[in-house]
Protein backbone atom coordinates (compact mmCIF):
# COMPACT_ATOMS: atom_id res chain seq x y z
CA MET A 1 79.66 53.48 131.92
CA THR A 2 79.96 49.61 130.28
CA THR A 3 82.52 48.71 127.84
CA ALA A 4 81.29 46.52 125.41
CA PRO A 5 83.54 43.02 124.96
CA THR A 6 84.21 43.87 120.97
CA PRO A 7 84.14 46.59 118.92
CA PRO A 8 80.93 47.06 117.17
CA ASN A 9 80.16 46.05 113.88
CA ALA A 10 82.62 43.21 113.85
CA LEU A 11 85.74 46.38 113.99
CA PRO A 12 89.42 44.98 114.58
CA ALA A 13 90.08 45.62 118.39
CA TYR A 14 92.73 47.71 117.96
CA ARG A 15 93.93 50.56 114.87
CA LEU A 16 97.58 51.77 114.08
CA LEU A 17 97.21 55.42 112.96
CA THR A 18 100.31 56.95 111.06
CA GLY A 19 101.29 60.06 109.61
CA PRO A 20 103.42 62.48 109.07
CA GLY A 21 105.21 64.03 112.03
CA ASP A 22 104.82 68.12 111.58
CA ALA A 23 105.42 68.89 114.88
CA THR A 24 108.80 67.28 115.15
CA PHE A 25 109.82 67.60 111.18
CA ASN A 26 113.66 68.52 111.22
CA GLY A 27 113.98 68.39 107.62
CA GLN A 28 113.54 64.44 107.25
CA HIS A 29 110.75 62.57 107.11
CA VAL A 30 109.38 62.56 110.41
CA ILE A 31 106.56 59.82 110.68
CA VAL A 32 104.72 58.87 113.91
CA ALA A 33 102.17 56.27 115.08
CA GLN A 34 99.75 56.15 117.49
CA ALA A 35 97.86 52.87 119.01
CA ILE A 36 94.66 52.93 119.92
CA VAL A 37 93.09 49.81 121.24
CA TRP A 38 89.86 48.79 122.24
CA PRO A 39 89.67 48.62 126.06
CA GLY A 40 89.71 45.09 127.56
CA THR A 41 91.96 43.88 125.00
CA GLU A 42 94.44 41.94 126.08
CA ILE A 43 97.90 41.84 124.06
CA ALA A 44 100.10 38.78 124.15
CA PRO A 45 103.45 39.38 124.55
């Protein structure tokens, strides 16, 4: 499998998905996040 150097259609190299953390809900508002990064993307420290 070959990885394209950049995402297609000028999409960003990353997305941050957020939403309610229903599986960890303890009576408060719980928000979870998951970063999705295009393969080969370099993240600066």
